[in-house]
Amino acid sequence: TGFENGRPVLSESSYELSVNLDTSVKADFILPLQDIRCGNGSVYVRRQKKLEDGVPFVFYYKNRFLLRQPYRYANETLLLLRSSDPQKSDIEIPKSERKDLHILGKVIAIKSNVL
């Protein structure tokens, strides 16, 4: 799991290409929540590079997956990645460090394995 030539390279155990969810959900891939340290279940992701403020996205940054809501500040010179989990701190990424941030896509659905 990592990046090669600017594209994500996921181990086969890290994602599923088949999406068995309601047909109205259009996802490109599924990432297990364990891979992004968010519990058990799966996150359904549609590839999208254009960020939307406050909308959950999956990122790859500093060798780990992140499920965060982006917010752009100060004429887009600062990107804030906010977790919906209050236990996790926000991540501030200045424009100079954005080359290390890979946007995998927009979260379409989350399926939890918690009963």
N, C-alpha and C. Protein backbone atom coordinates (compact mmCIF):
# COMPACT_ATOMS: atom_id res chain seq x y z
N THR A 1 0.85 -1.17 0.00
CA THR A 1 0.00 0.00 0.00
C THR A 1 0.89 1.23 0.00
N GLY A 2 0.62 2.16 -0.91
CA GLY A 2 1.41 3.37 -1.01
C GLY A 2 1.14 4.08 -2.32
N PHE A 3 2.15 4.80 -2.81
CA PHE A 3 2.00 5.54 -4.06
C PHE A 3 3.15 5.23 -4.99
N GLU A 4 2.84 5.17 -6.27
CA GLU A 4 3.84 4.94 -7.30
C GLU A 4 3.44 5.78 -8.50
N ASN A 5 4.35 6.59 -9.01
CA ASN A 5 4.08 7.47 -10.14
C ASN A 5 2.86 8.36 -9.90
N GLY A 6 2.68 8.82 -8.66
CA GLY A 6 1.59 9.72 -8.35
C GLY A 6 0.22 9.07 -8.25
N ARG A 7 0.15 7.74 -8.29
CA ARG A 7 -1.13 7.03 -8.22
C ARG A 7 -1.11 6.08 -7.03
N PRO A 8 -2.26 5.90 -6.38
CA PRO A 8 -2.30 4.97 -5.24
C PRO A 8 -2.10 3.53 -5.68
N VAL A 9 -1.30 2.82 -4.90
CA VAL A 9 -1.10 1.40 -5.12
C VAL A 9 -1.55 0.72 -3.84
N LEU A 10 -2.67 0.03 -3.92
CA LEU A 10 -3.25 -0.62 -2.75
C LEU A 10 -3.06 -2.12 -2.85
N SER A 11 -2.76 -2.75 -1.73
CA SER A 11 -2.68 -4.20 -1.74
C SER A 11 -4.09 -4.74 -1.94
N GLU A 12 -4.20 -5.96 -2.46
CA GLU A 12 -5.52 -6.52 -2.73
C GLU A 12 -6.36 -6.61 -1.47
N SER A 13 -5.72 -6.76 -0.32
CA SER A 13 -6.48 -6.83 0.92
C SER A 13 -6.99 -5.46 1.36
N SER A 14 -6.53 -4.38 0.71
CA SER A 14 -6.90 -3.04 1.12
C SER A 14 -8.13 -2.48 0.41
N TYR A 15 -8.59 -3.14 -0.63
CA TYR A 15 -9.75 -2.58 -1.32
C TYR A 15 -10.50 -3.67 -2.06
N GLU A 16 -11.69 -3.33 -2.44
CA GLU A 16 -12.52 -4.22 -3.25
C GLU A 16 -12.97 -3.41 -4.46
N LEU A 17 -12.98 -4.05 -5.62
CA LEU A 17 -13.43 -3.35 -6.81
C LEU A 17 -14.91 -3.55 -7.08
N SER A 18 -15.49 -4.59 -6.53
CA SER A 18 -16.91 -4.79 -6.75
C SER A 18 -17.68 -4.09 -5.65
N VAL A 19 -18.72 -3.40 -6.03
CA VAL A 19 -19.52 -2.64 -5.09
C VAL A 19 -20.91 -3.26 -5.03
N ASN A 20 -21.23 -3.92 -3.92
CA ASN A 20 -22.55 -4.50 -3.73
C ASN A 20 -23.33 -3.65 -2.74
N LEU A 21 -23.79 -2.54 -3.22
CA LEU A 21 -24.57 -1.62 -2.42
C LEU A 21 -25.74 -1.24 -3.31
N ASP A 22 -26.64 -0.47 -2.80
CA ASP A 22 -27.76 0.00 -3.60
C ASP A 22 -27.23 0.51 -4.95
N THR A 23 -27.94 0.23 -6.02
CA THR A 23 -27.47 0.62 -7.35
C THR A 23 -27.37 2.13 -7.54
N SER A 24 -27.98 2.90 -6.66
CA SER A 24 -27.87 4.35 -6.77
C SER A 24 -26.51 4.86 -6.28
N VAL A 25 -25.77 4.03 -5.56
CA VAL A 25 -24.45 4.41 -5.05
C VAL A 25 -23.41 4.09 -6.12
N LYS A 26 -22.77 5.13 -6.61
CA LYS A 26 -21.76 4.96 -7.66
C LYS A 26 -20.37 5.18 -7.06
N ALA A 27 -19.72 4.08 -6.69
CA ALA A 27 -18.38 4.16 -6.09
C ALA A 27 -17.37 3.50 -7.02
N ASP A 28 -16.15 4.03 -7.03
CA ASP A 28 -15.08 3.46 -7.84
C ASP A 28 -14.31 2.38 -7.11
N PHE A 29 -14.22 2.51 -5.77
CA PHE A 29 -13.55 1.48 -4.98
C PHE A 29 -14.02 1.56 -3.54
N ILE A 30 -13.72 0.50 -2.80
CA ILE A 30 -14.08 0.40 -1.39
C ILE A 30 -12.80 0.23 -0.60
N LEU A 31 -12.67 0.99 0.47
CA LEU A 31 -11.49 0.90 1.33
C LEU A 31 -11.95 0.49 2.73
N PRO A 32 -11.36 -0.57 3.30
CA PRO A 32 -11.75 -0.96 4.66
C PRO A 32 -11.44 0.15 5.66
N LEU A 33 -12.35 0.37 6.59
CA LEU A 33 -12.15 1.42 7.59
C LEU A 33 -10.93 1.15 8.46
N GLN A 34 -10.54 -0.12 8.63
CA GLN A 34 -9.34 -0.42 9.42
C GLN A 34 -8.11 0.25 8.81
N ASP A 35 -8.07 0.34 7.47
CA ASP A 35 -6.91 0.95 6.81
C ASP A 35 -6.79 2.44 7.10
N ILE A 36 -7.89 3.07 7.45
CA ILE A 36 -7.84 4.49 7.79
C ILE A 36 -8.10 4.71 9.27
N ARG A 37 -7.93 3.63 10.04
CA ARG A 37 -8.01 3.67 11.51
C ARG A 37 -9.32 4.28 12.00
N CYS A 38 -10.41 3.83 11.40
CA CYS A 38 -11.72 4.36 11.77
C CYS A 38 -12.69 3.27 12.19
N GLY A 39 -12.20 2.14 12.66
CA GLY A 39 -13.10 1.08 13.10
C GLY A 39 -13.26 -0.02 12.07
N ASN A 40 -14.37 -0.72 12.16
CA ASN A 40 -14.65 -1.83 11.25
C ASN A 40 -15.73 -1.43 10.27
N GLY A 41 -15.59 -1.88 9.04
CA GLY A 41 -16.55 -1.56 8.00
C GLY A 41 -15.81 -1.14 6.74
N SER A 42 -16.51 -0.43 5.88
CA SER A 42 -15.94 -0.02 4.60
C SER A 42 -16.38 1.39 4.25
N VAL A 43 -15.52 2.09 3.53
CA VAL A 43 -15.86 3.40 3.01
C VAL A 43 -15.89 3.28 1.48
N TYR A 44 -16.97 3.75 0.89
CA TYR A 44 -17.17 3.69 -0.56
C TYR A 44 -16.74 5.03 -1.13
N VAL A 45 -15.83 4.99 -2.12
CA VAL A 45 -15.18 6.20 -2.61
C VAL A 45 -15.36 6.35 -4.12
N ARG A 46 -15.69 7.56 -4.53
CA ARG A 46 -15.72 7.89 -5.96
C ARG A 46 -14.50 8.77 -6.24
N ARG A 47 -13.74 8.43 -7.24
CA ARG A 47 -12.56 9.24 -7.58
C ARG A 47 -13.00 10.66 -7.93
N GLN A 48 -12.40 11.61 -7.22
CA GLN A 48 -12.67 13.02 -7.47
C GLN A 48 -11.53 13.81 -6.88
N LYS A 49 -10.87 14.62 -7.69
CA LYS A 49 -9.73 15.41 -7.23
C LYS A 49 -10.13 16.79 -6.72
N LYS A 50 -11.25 17.32 -7.22
CA LYS A 50 -11.69 18.66 -6.80
C LYS A 50 -12.35 18.57 -5.43
N LEU A 51 -11.74 19.26 -4.47
CA LEU A 51 -12.24 19.22 -3.09
C LEU A 51 -13.49 20.08 -2.92
N GLU A 52 -14.34 19.64 -2.00
CA GLU A 52 -15.52 20.40 -1.62
C GLU A 52 -15.41 20.63 -0.11
N ASP A 53 -15.43 21.88 0.30
CA ASP A 53 -15.30 22.20 1.72
C ASP A 53 -16.37 21.51 2.55
N GLY A 54 -15.93 20.84 3.63
CA GLY A 54 -16.85 20.21 4.57
C GLY A 54 -17.39 18.86 4.15
N VAL A 55 -17.02 18.38 2.97
CA VAL A 55 -17.50 17.08 2.46
C VAL A 55 -16.41 16.04 2.72
N PRO A 56 -16.75 14.88 3.27
CA PRO A 56 -15.72 13.86 3.56
C PRO A 56 -15.02 13.35 2.30
N PHE A 57 -13.70 13.29 2.39
CA PHE A 57 -12.84 12.75 1.33
C PHE A 57 -11.87 11.77 1.96
N VAL A 58 -11.31 10.90 1.14
CA VAL A 58 -10.24 10.02 1.59
C VAL A 58 -8.94 10.55 0.99
N PHE A 59 -7.94 10.69 1.85
CA PHE A 59 -6.62 11.20 1.45
C PHE A 59 -5.56 10.17 1.81
N TYR A 60 -4.42 10.28 1.14
CA TYR A 60 -3.23 9.52 1.52
C TYR A 60 -2.16 10.57 1.80
N TYR A 61 -1.67 10.61 3.06
CA TYR A 61 -0.74 11.65 3.47
C TYR A 61 0.22 11.07 4.50
N LYS A 62 1.50 11.25 4.25
CA LYS A 62 2.55 10.76 5.14
C LYS A 62 2.37 9.28 5.48
N ASN A 63 2.21 8.48 4.44
CA ASN A 63 2.13 7.02 4.53
C ASN A 63 0.93 6.49 5.31
N ARG A 64 -0.16 7.24 5.30
CA ARG A 64 -1.38 6.71 5.92
C ARG A 64 -2.61 7.27 5.24
N PHE A 65 -3.68 6.51 5.32
CA PHE A 65 -4.96 6.94 4.78
C PHE A 65 -5.68 7.80 5.81
N LEU A 66 -6.40 8.81 5.33
CA LEU A 66 -7.15 9.71 6.20
C LEU A 66 -8.56 9.87 5.66
N LEU A 67 -9.53 9.82 6.53
CA LEU A 67 -10.91 10.14 6.20
C LEU A 67 -11.19 11.47 6.87
N ARG A 68 -11.21 12.55 6.08
CA ARG A 68 -11.30 13.90 6.65
C ARG A 68 -12.17 14.80 5.80
N GLN A 69 -12.61 15.89 6.42
CA GLN A 69 -13.36 16.94 5.73
C GLN A 69 -12.40 18.10 5.47
N PRO A 70 -12.19 18.46 4.21
CA PRO A 70 -11.26 19.55 3.91
C PRO A 70 -11.93 20.92 4.03
N TYR A 71 -11.14 21.90 4.45
CA TYR A 71 -11.56 23.30 4.49
C TYR A 71 -10.38 24.13 3.99
N ARG A 72 -10.62 24.99 3.01
CA ARG A 72 -9.55 25.84 2.46
C ARG A 72 -9.63 27.22 3.10
N TYR A 73 -8.47 27.74 3.50
CA TYR A 73 -8.39 29.03 4.18
C TYR A 73 -7.31 29.90 3.55
N ALA A 74 -7.37 31.18 3.89
CA ALA A 74 -6.34 32.16 3.52
C ALA A 74 -5.99 32.09 2.03
N ASN A 75 -7.01 32.35 1.21
CA ASN A 75 -6.82 32.32 -0.25
C ASN A 75 -6.22 31.00 -0.72
N GLU A 76 -6.65 29.93 -0.09
CA GLU A 76 -6.23 28.56 -0.42
C GLU A 76 -4.75 28.28 -0.17
N THR A 77 -4.10 29.11 0.67
CA THR A 77 -2.71 28.84 1.01
C THR A 77 -2.62 27.83 2.15
N LEU A 78 -3.74 27.59 2.84
CA LEU A 78 -3.77 26.62 3.94
C LEU A 78 -4.96 25.70 3.75
N LEU A 79 -4.72 24.41 3.88
CA LEU A 79 -5.78 23.41 3.80
C LEU A 79 -5.88 22.75 5.17
N LEU A 80 -7.08 22.77 5.72
CA LEU A 80 -7.33 22.15 7.01
C LEU A 80 -8.10 20.86 6.76
N LEU A 81 -7.61 19.74 7.32
CA LEU A 81 -8.30 18.46 7.22
C LEU A 81 -8.87 18.15 8.59
N ARG A 82 -10.19 18.14 8.69
CA ARG A 82 -10.87 17.96 9.97
C ARG A 82 -11.51 16.58 10.02
N SER A 83 -11.32 15.90 11.14
CA SER A 83 -11.94 14.60 11.37
C SER A 83 -13.29 14.80 12.03
N SER A 84 -14.23 13.90 11.76
CA SER A 84 -15.51 13.95 12.46
C SER A 84 -15.38 13.38 13.87
N ASP A 85 -14.24 12.74 14.15
CA ASP A 85 -13.96 12.18 15.47
C ASP A 85 -13.26 13.25 16.33
N PRO A 86 -13.90 13.73 17.40
CA PRO A 86 -13.29 14.78 18.21
C PRO A 86 -12.00 14.34 18.91
N GLN A 87 -11.74 13.05 18.96
CA GLN A 87 -10.50 12.53 19.56
C GLN A 87 -9.28 12.77 18.65
N LYS A 88 -9.55 12.99 17.36
CA LYS A 88 -8.46 13.19 16.40
C LYS A 88 -8.28 14.68 16.13
N SER A 89 -7.03 15.10 16.11
CA SER A 89 -6.76 16.53 15.89
C SER A 89 -6.81 16.87 14.40
N ASP A 90 -7.05 18.15 14.13
CA ASP A 90 -7.05 18.64 12.76
C ASP A 90 -5.63 18.59 12.21
N ILE A 91 -5.54 18.50 10.91
CA ILE A 91 -4.24 18.53 10.24
C ILE A 91 -4.22 19.76 9.34
N GLU A 92 -3.24 20.63 9.55
CA GLU A 92 -3.07 21.82 8.73
C GLU A 92 -1.97 21.57 7.72
N ILE A 93 -2.28 21.78 6.46
CA ILE A 93 -1.30 21.54 5.39
C ILE A 93 -1.12 22.82 4.60
N PRO A 94 0.06 23.45 4.74
CA PRO A 94 0.32 24.65 3.94
C PRO A 94 0.51 24.27 2.47
N LYS A 95 0.31 25.23 1.61
CA LYS A 95 0.41 24.98 0.16
C LYS A 95 1.76 24.36 -0.21
N SER A 96 2.82 24.74 0.49
CA SER A 96 4.16 24.23 0.19
C SER A 96 4.30 22.72 0.43
N GLU A 97 3.41 22.13 1.23
CA GLU A 97 3.48 20.70 1.54
C GLU A 97 2.42 19.87 0.83
N ARG A 98 1.63 20.50 -0.04
CA ARG A 98 0.52 19.78 -0.68
C ARG A 98 0.95 18.72 -1.66
N LYS A 99 2.18 18.77 -2.11
CA LYS A 99 2.64 17.73 -3.05
C LYS A 99 2.66 16.36 -2.39
N ASP A 100 2.71 16.33 -1.07
CA ASP A 100 2.71 15.07 -0.33
C ASP A 100 1.30 14.55 -0.04
N LEU A 101 0.29 15.35 -0.38
CA LEU A 101 -1.10 14.99 -0.11
C LEU A 101 -1.73 14.44 -1.39
N HIS A 102 -2.27 13.24 -1.31
CA HIS A 102 -2.93 12.62 -2.46
C HIS A 102 -4.42 12.51 -2.16
N ILE A 103 -5.22 13.07 -3.04
CA ILE A 103 -6.67 13.01 -2.89
C ILE A 103 -7.15 11.76 -3.60
N LEU A 104 -7.66 10.78 -2.84
CA LEU A 104 -8.13 9.54 -3.45
C LEU A 104 -9.55 9.67 -3.96
N GLY A 105 -10.38 10.45 -3.27
CA GLY A 105 -11.73 10.65 -3.76
C GLY A 105 -12.71 11.05 -2.68
N LYS A 106 -13.92 11.27 -3.14
CA LYS A 106 -15.03 11.71 -2.29
C LYS A 106 -15.74 10.50 -1.68
N VAL A 107 -16.06 10.60 -0.41
CA VAL A 107 -16.77 9.52 0.28
C VAL A 107 -18.23 9.54 -0.18
N ILE A 108 -18.70 8.40 -0.67
CA ILE A 108 -20.06 8.27 -1.15
C ILE A 108 -20.93 7.61 -0.10
N ALA A 109 -20.37 6.62 0.61
CA ALA A 109 -21.13 5.91 1.65
C ALA A 109 -20.15 5.26 2.61
N ILE A 110 -20.62 5.02 3.82
CA ILE A 110 -19.84 4.28 4.82
C ILE A 110 -20.71 3.16 5.33
N LYS A 111 -20.16 1.97 5.31
CA LYS A 111 -20.87 0.77 5.82
C LYS A 111 -20.13 0.31 7.05
N SER A 112 -20.81 0.34 8.18
CA SER A 112 -20.19 -0.08 9.44
C SER A 112 -20.53 -1.51 9.75
N ASN A 113 -19.58 -2.25 10.31
CA ASN A 113 -19.81 -3.63 10.72
C ASN A 113 -20.27 -3.73 12.17
N VAL A 114 -20.55 -2.61 12.80
CA VAL A 114 -21.02 -2.60 14.18
C VAL A 114 -22.50 -2.95 14.19
N LEU A 115 -22.88 -3.88 15.03
CA LEU A 115 -24.30 -4.28 15.11
C LEU A 115 -25.04 -3.46 16.12
